Protein backbone atom coordinates (compact mmCIF):
# COMPACT_ATOMS: atom_id res chain seq x y z
CA MET A 1 80.18 -19.87 -36.06
CA THR A 2 79.67 -17.86 -32.75
CA TYR A 3 77.16 -18.81 -30.28
CA ASP A 4 75.49 -16.02 -27.92
CA SER A 5 72.83 -16.47 -25.44
CA LYS A 6 71.68 -14.68 -22.45
CA ILE A 7 69.38 -15.25 -19.48
CA THR A 8 66.89 -12.51 -18.65
CA LEU A 9 64.89 -12.61 -15.27
CA LYS A 10 62.25 -10.10 -14.82
CA PHE A 11 60.27 -9.11 -11.78
CA ASP A 12 57.49 -6.58 -11.78
CA SER A 13 55.29 -5.56 -8.87
CA THR A 14 52.78 -2.97 -8.16
CA TRP A 15 51.03 -1.98 -4.82
CA GLU A 16 47.97 0.07 -3.80
CA GLN A 17 47.65 2.20 -0.73
CA THR A 18 45.07 0.55 1.61
CA ARG A 19 46.19 1.02 5.25
CA GLY A 20 46.92 4.64 5.89
CA ILE A 21 50.16 6.46 6.62
CA TYR A 22 52.39 3.36 7.38
CA ASP A 23 51.94 2.39 3.62
CA GLU A 24 54.45 5.16 2.72
CA GLU A 25 57.08 2.66 3.80
CA GLU A 26 56.34 0.59 0.88
CA ILE A 27 57.64 1.11 -2.55
CA PRO A 28 54.65 1.56 -4.84
CA GLU A 29 55.96 -0.22 -7.76
CA GLU A 30 59.31 -2.28 -8.62
CA HIS A 31 60.64 -3.36 -11.84
CA ILE A 32 63.80 -5.54 -11.65
CA THR A 33 65.58 -6.93 -14.52
CA PHE A 34 68.67 -9.20 -14.40
CA GLU A 35 70.58 -10.27 -17.44
CA CYS A 36 73.72 -12.29 -17.86
CA PRO A 37 75.45 -14.02 -20.73
CA ALA A 38 74.67 -17.68 -20.72
CA GLN A 39 76.87 -19.40 -23.31
CA ASP A 40 79.42 -20.37 -20.87
CA LEU A 41 77.56 -20.41 -17.59
CA ASN A 42 78.14 -23.49 -15.39
CA ALA A 43 75.55 -24.69 -12.94
CA THR A 44 77.16 -23.04 -9.85
CA GLN A 45 77.18 -19.56 -11.82
CA LEU A 46 73.63 -20.16 -12.69
CA PHE A 47 72.67 -20.69 -9.11
CA GLN A 48 74.50 -17.59 -8.16
CA PHE A 49 72.53 -15.57 -10.66
CA PHE A 50 69.31 -16.94 -9.24
CA ALA A 51 70.49 -16.15 -5.82
CA LYS A 52 71.16 -12.62 -6.48
CA PHE A 53 67.89 -12.26 -8.39
CA ALA A 54 65.96 -13.75 -5.35
CA ALA A 55 67.83 -11.35 -3.16
CA ALA A 56 66.78 -8.39 -5.16
CA MET A 57 63.16 -9.57 -4.86
CA GLY A 58 63.61 -9.41 -1.00
CA HIS A 59 64.41 -12.93 -0.07
CA THR A 60 66.66 -13.36 2.81
CA GLU A 61 70.13 -15.19 2.50
CA SER A 62 68.87 -17.90 4.83
CA GLY A 63 65.83 -18.51 2.70
CA ILE A 64 67.94 -18.71 -0.47
CA MET A 65 70.16 -21.20 1.17
CA LYS A 66 67.12 -23.42 2.31
CA GLY A 67 65.94 -23.29 -1.21
CA ALA A 68 69.08 -24.43 -2.63
CA MET A 69 69.36 -27.23 -0.03
CA PHE A 70 65.85 -28.39 -0.72
CA THR A 71 66.76 -28.49 -4.44
CA THR A 72 69.63 -30.70 -3.63
CA PHE A 73 68.31 -32.77 -0.90
CA ASN A 74 64.59 -34.07 -1.27
CA ASP A 75 62.65 -37.15 -1.87
CA MET A 76 62.69 -36.64 -5.61
CA ARG A 77 66.48 -37.15 -5.83
CA SER A 78 68.30 -40.46 -5.49
CA PHE A 79 69.85 -41.18 -2.24
CA GLU A 80 73.37 -42.01 -3.97
CA GLN A 81 73.47 -38.65 -5.68
CA MET A 82 72.57 -36.80 -2.39
CA LYS A 83 75.22 -38.78 -0.60
CA LYS A 84 77.80 -37.99 -3.17
CA THR A 85 77.06 -34.21 -2.77
CA ALA A 86 76.90 -34.45 0.85
CA ASP A 87 80.43 -36.08 0.83
CA GLU A 88 81.84 -33.53 -1.57
CA TYR A 89 80.96 -30.65 0.91
CA ASP A 90 81.73 -32.54 4.21
CA LEU A 91 78.08 -32.79 5.22
CA VAL A 92 76.74 -35.56 7.47
CA MET A 93 73.57 -37.17 6.28
CA LYS A 94 70.84 -37.75 8.91
CA GLU A 95 70.99 -41.58 8.31
CA ASP A 96 74.75 -41.51 8.73
CA HIS A 97 74.45 -39.46 12.01
CA ILE A 98 71.86 -41.95 13.45
CA LYS A 99 74.23 -44.92 12.64
CA GLU A 100 77.17 -43.36 14.51
CA VAL A 101 75.05 -42.38 17.31
CA CYS A 102 73.91 -46.01 17.62
CA LYS A 103 77.42 -47.18 17.54
CA LEU A 104 78.45 -44.83 20.32
CA GLU A 105 75.44 -45.85 22.40
CA ALA A 106 76.53 -49.46 21.98
CA GLU A 107 80.08 -48.82 22.91
CA VAL A 108 78.85 -46.90 26.06
CA ARG A 109 76.72 -49.83 27.07
CA ASP A 110 79.82 -52.18 26.55
CA LEU A 111 81.97 -49.95 28.54
CA ARG A 112 79.53 -49.84 31.51
CA ALA A 113 79.28 -53.56 31.41
CA LYS A 114 83.13 -53.92 31.56
CA LEU A 115 83.34 -51.24 34.24
CA SER A 116 80.56 -53.07 36.25
CA ARG A 117 82.63 -56.26 35.98
CA LEU A 118 85.86 -54.54 37.02
CA GLN A 119 84.04 -53.17 40.05
CA GLN A 120 82.62 -56.54 41.04
CA PRO A 121 84.96 -59.21 39.70
CA ASP A 122 83.75 -61.96 42.24
CA ASN A 123 80.18 -61.53 41.48
CA PRO A 124 78.91 -64.88 40.01
CA GLN A 125 75.83 -63.36 38.49
CA TYR A 126 75.68 -61.05 35.61
CA THR A 127 75.20 -57.36 36.60
CA ALA A 128 72.47 -55.25 35.31
CA GLU A 129 74.79 -53.27 33.04
CA GLU A 130 76.07 -56.56 31.55
CA ILE A 131 72.62 -57.76 30.96
CA ASP A 132 71.78 -54.56 29.39
CA ALA A 133 74.69 -54.68 27.09
CA MET A 134 74.00 -58.18 25.95
CA THR A 135 70.29 -57.46 25.07
CA TYR A 136 70.98 -54.03 23.62
CA GLU A 137 71.00 -55.23 19.96
CA ASN A 138 67.57 -56.90 20.21
CA GLU A 139 65.93 -53.71 21.70
CA THR A 140 67.29 -51.19 19.42
CA THR A 141 66.17 -49.95 15.82
CA CYS A 142 69.85 -49.13 14.99
CA GLU A 143 70.15 -52.53 13.47
CA THR A 144 67.35 -51.86 10.85
CA LEU A 145 69.18 -48.72 9.38
């Protein structure tokens, strides 16, 4: 038994002249039909087909990429699936970036405290940098992430 299938996307538009001589720049009518065999299409090929169709309709490459990203990364998807896809394409999720920045900020505070102690080894009191480093965890929202 053989299986044949195809996908057809069709775009029809008409336009009326209403503004004068500058309307001559517009195409008065467009009819675009895309067809491709669908029996062996994988998801990547299917999205490539949609991207070509969107480009033929006049969408920019940037807009098409944003649409694909919205399809992949939105509130309707599970975080685990989005994270898995981001890892597959070496993307850094915003949540991971914030955690990394928080770690680096804590390290900077710790290094400032150590430098302050090295500059004032005989000071019996804690320096402002040391106090800042000790109280940092209580002041930040990084711990809640």
